[in-house]
Amino acid sequence: MSAEDLEKYETEMELSLYKEYRDIVSQFSFVVETERRFYLANSVDVQVRNADGEVYFEVRMSDAWVWDMYRPARFVKNVRVITFKDVNVEELDKPDLRLPESGPFPS
């Protein structure tokens, strides 16, 4: 496989992964970023740990989707990540679940 073919393959895989992400993101409550991967999850627990003066993060997620184009099974039941780098956890906005501002009942 030439370098050009590999680049084309990776571009196609990234596009495919983005389309999958776009189609499933509404099924999840949280976006989690670590230095190595990007996750969607419905449950996230981040613990700061200290071992002999070394501070690290333990991140546990359940009902998750892993952004990784080389991973055939991206939906996973449980994920545990240990990292010495920053962890970013954001709660996803779910506008389709909001009640109308006028209230649920007509006046």
C-alpha atoms as a PDB file:
ATOM      1  CA  MET A   1       0.000   0.000   0.000  1.00  0.00           C
ATOM      2  CA  SER A   2       1.450   3.366  -0.967  1.00  0.00           C
ATOM      3  CA  ALA A   3       1.594   6.372   1.355  1.00  0.00           C
ATOM      4  CA  GLU A   4      -1.080   8.024  -0.781  1.00  0.00           C
ATOM      5  CA  ASP A   5      -3.385   4.989  -0.446  1.00  0.00           C
ATOM      6  CA  LEU A   6      -2.840   4.925   3.316  1.00  0.00           C
ATOM      7  CA  GLU A   7      -3.632   8.625   3.603  1.00  0.00           C
ATOM      8  CA  LYS A   8      -6.806   8.171   1.535  1.00  0.00           C
ATOM      9  CA  TYR A   9      -7.847   5.194   3.694  1.00  0.00           C
ATOM     10  CA  GLU A  10      -7.308   7.159   6.920  1.00  0.00           C
ATOM     11  CA  THR A  11      -9.283  10.115   5.548  1.00  0.00           C
ATOM     12  CA  GLU A  12     -12.180   7.829   4.597  1.00  0.00           C
ATOM     13  CA  MET A  13     -12.095   6.149   8.024  1.00  0.00           C
ATOM     14  CA  GLU A  14     -12.110   9.518   9.829  1.00  0.00           C
ATOM     15  CA  LEU A  15     -15.121  10.620   7.781  1.00  0.00           C
ATOM     16  CA  SER A  16     -16.907   7.347   8.488  1.00  0.00           C
ATOM     17  CA  LEU A  17     -16.149   7.693  12.211  1.00  0.00           C
ATOM     18  CA  TYR A  18     -17.415  11.280  12.255  1.00  0.00           C
ATOM     19  CA  LYS A  19     -20.682  10.189  10.598  1.00  0.00           C
ATOM     20  CA  GLU A  20     -21.089   7.431  13.183  1.00  0.00           C
ATOM     21  CA  TYR A  21     -20.412   9.949  15.968  1.00  0.00           C
ATOM     22  CA  ARG A  22     -22.968  12.370  14.539  1.00  0.00           C
ATOM     23  CA  ASP A  23     -25.605   9.617  14.399  1.00  0.00           C
ATOM     24  CA  ILE A  24     -25.091   8.375  17.964  1.00  0.00           C
ATOM     25  CA  VAL A  25     -24.049  11.401  20.049  1.00  0.00           C
ATOM     26  CA  SER A  26     -27.630  12.060  21.181  1.00  0.00           C
ATOM     27  CA  GLN A  27     -27.669   8.668  22.935  1.00  0.00           C
ATOM     28  CA  PHE A  28     -25.022   9.783  25.454  1.00  0.00           C
ATOM     29  CA  SER A  29     -24.818  12.179  28.402  1.00  0.00           C
ATOM     30  CA  PHE A  30     -21.096  12.969  28.562  1.00  0.00           C
ATOM     31  CA  VAL A  31     -18.120  13.681  26.331  1.00  0.00           C
ATOM     32  CA  VAL A  32     -14.774  12.643  27.846  1.00  0.00           C
ATOM     33  CA  GLU A  33     -11.375  13.595  26.433  1.00  0.00           C
ATOM     34  CA  THR A  34      -8.091  12.120  27.595  1.00  0.00           C
ATOM     35  CA  GLU A  35      -4.662  12.570  26.022  1.00  0.00           C
ATOM     36  CA  ARG A  36      -5.130   9.409  23.958  1.00  0.00           C
ATOM     37  CA  ARG A  37      -8.825   9.101  23.150  1.00  0.00           C
ATOM     38  CA  PHE A  38     -12.238  10.678  22.932  1.00  0.00           C
ATOM     39  CA  TYR A  39     -15.273   8.965  24.481  1.00  0.00           C
ATOM     40  CA  LEU A  40     -19.027   9.336  24.696  1.00  0.00           C
ATOM     41  CA  ALA A  41     -20.525   7.831  27.865  1.00  0.00           C
ATOM     42  CA  ASN A  42     -23.646   7.769  29.986  1.00  0.00           C
ATOM     43  CA  SER A  43     -21.818   7.421  33.293  1.00  0.00           C
ATOM     44  CA  VAL A  44     -18.458   8.942  34.246  1.00  0.00           C
ATOM     45  CA  ASP A  45     -16.493   8.828  37.491  1.00  0.00           C
ATOM     46  CA  VAL A  46     -13.169  10.695  37.751  1.00  0.00           C
ATOM     47  CA  GLN A  47     -10.948  10.093  40.769  1.00  0.00           C
ATOM     48  CA  VAL A  48      -7.713  11.946  41.508  1.00  0.00           C
ATOM     49  CA  ARG A  49      -5.130   9.485  42.837  1.00  0.00           C
ATOM     50  CA  ASN A  50      -1.760  10.013  44.476  1.00  0.00           C
ATOM     51  CA  ALA A  51       0.913   7.313  44.581  1.00  0.00           C
ATOM     52  CA  ASP A  52       4.258   8.268  46.099  1.00  0.00           C
ATOM     53  CA  GLY A  53       3.760  11.923  45.170  1.00  0.00           C
ATOM     54  CA  GLU A  54       2.681  11.128  41.587  1.00  0.00           C
ATOM     55  CA  VAL A  55      -0.786  12.523  40.903  1.00  0.00           C
ATOM     56  CA  TYR A  56      -2.868  10.760  38.258  1.00  0.00           C
ATOM     57  CA  PHE A  57      -6.492  10.381  37.244  1.00  0.00           C
ATOM     58  CA  GLU A  58      -8.568   7.233  37.185  1.00  0.00           C
ATOM     59  CA  VAL A  59     -11.557   7.588  34.883  1.00  0.00           C
ATOM     60  CA  ARG A  60     -14.302   4.977  34.844  1.00  0.00           C
ATOM     61  CA  MET A  61     -17.046   5.104  32.243  1.00  0.00           C
ATOM     62  CA  SER A  62     -19.957   2.852  31.462  1.00  0.00           C
ATOM     63  CA  ASP A  63     -22.199   2.494  28.445  1.00  0.00           C
ATOM     64  CA  ALA A  64     -19.532   4.126  26.289  1.00  0.00           C
ATOM     65  CA  TRP A  65     -18.462   4.697  22.701  1.00  0.00           C
ATOM     66  CA  VAL A  66     -14.756   5.034  21.878  1.00  0.00           C
ATOM     67  CA  TRP A  67     -13.493   7.311  19.074  1.00  0.00           C
ATOM     68  CA  ASP A  68     -10.861   5.071  17.510  1.00  0.00           C
ATOM     69  CA  MET A  69     -10.856   4.294  13.801  1.00  0.00           C
ATOM     70  CA  TYR A  70      -8.676   1.227  14.290  1.00  0.00           C
ATOM     71  CA  ARG A  71     -11.007  -0.351  16.851  1.00  0.00           C
ATOM     72  CA  PRO A  72     -13.703  -2.560  15.296  1.00  0.00           C
ATOM     73  CA  ALA A  73     -15.934  -2.598  18.408  1.00  0.00           C
ATOM     74  CA  ARG A  74     -16.448   1.003  19.493  1.00  0.00           C
ATOM     75  CA  PHE A  75     -19.407   0.402  21.824  1.00  0.00           C
ATOM     76  CA  VAL A  76     -18.206  -0.881  25.195  1.00  0.00           C
ATOM     77  CA  LYS A  77     -19.939  -1.648  28.472  1.00  0.00           C
ATOM     78  CA  ASN A  78     -17.155  -0.403  30.774  1.00  0.00           C
ATOM     79  CA  VAL A  79     -13.959   1.592  30.281  1.00  0.00           C
ATOM     80  CA  ARG A  80     -11.200   2.333  32.787  1.00  0.00           C
ATOM     81  CA  VAL A  81      -8.523   4.883  31.908  1.00  0.00           C
ATOM     82  CA  ILE A  82      -5.460   5.754  33.981  1.00  0.00           C
ATOM     83  CA  THR A  83      -3.734   8.969  32.914  1.00  0.00           C
ATOM     84  CA  PHE A  84      -1.206  11.456  34.216  1.00  0.00           C
ATOM     85  CA  LYS A  85      -2.547  14.104  31.819  1.00  0.00           C
ATOM     86  CA  ASP A  86      -5.623  16.296  31.999  1.00  0.00           C
ATOM     87  CA  VAL A  87      -9.082  14.796  31.665  1.00  0.00           C
ATOM     88  CA  ASN A  88     -11.935  16.849  30.246  1.00  0.00           C
ATOM     89  CA  VAL A  89     -15.526  15.803  31.034  1.00  0.00           C
ATOM     90  CA  GLU A  90     -18.447  17.738  29.601  1.00  0.00           C
ATOM     91  CA  GLU A  91     -22.134  17.102  30.030  1.00  0.00           C
ATOM     92  CA  LEU A  92     -23.899  17.075  26.682  1.00  0.00           C
ATOM     93  CA  ASP A  93     -26.723  19.484  26.080  1.00  0.00           C
ATOM     94  CA  LYS A  94     -29.962  17.683  25.237  1.00  0.00           C
ATOM     95  CA  PRO A  95     -32.250  20.384  23.802  1.00  0.00           C
ATOM     96  CA  ASP A  96     -34.782  17.813  22.608  1.00  0.00           C
ATOM     97  CA  LEU A  97     -35.449  16.863  26.258  1.00  0.00           C
ATOM     98  CA  ARG A  98     -36.240  20.387  27.501  1.00  0.00           C
ATOM     99  CA  LEU A  99     -39.772  21.421  28.377  1.00  0.00           C
ATOM    100  CA  PRO A 100     -41.165  24.341  26.414  1.00  0.00           C
ATOM    101  CA  GLU A 101     -40.610  27.662  28.212  1.00  0.00           C
ATOM    102  CA  SER A 102     -44.362  28.294  28.218  1.00  0.00           C
ATOM    103  CA  GLY A 103     -44.813  25.144  30.313  1.00  0.00           C
ATOM    104  CA  PRO A 104     -46.153  21.729  29.428  1.00  0.00           C
ATOM    105  CA  PHE A 105     -49.821  22.716  29.716  1.00  0.00           C
ATOM    106  CA  PRO A 106     -51.759  25.276  27.672  1.00  0.00           C
ATOM    107  CA  SER A 107     -53.234  28.214  29.593  1.00  0.00           C
END
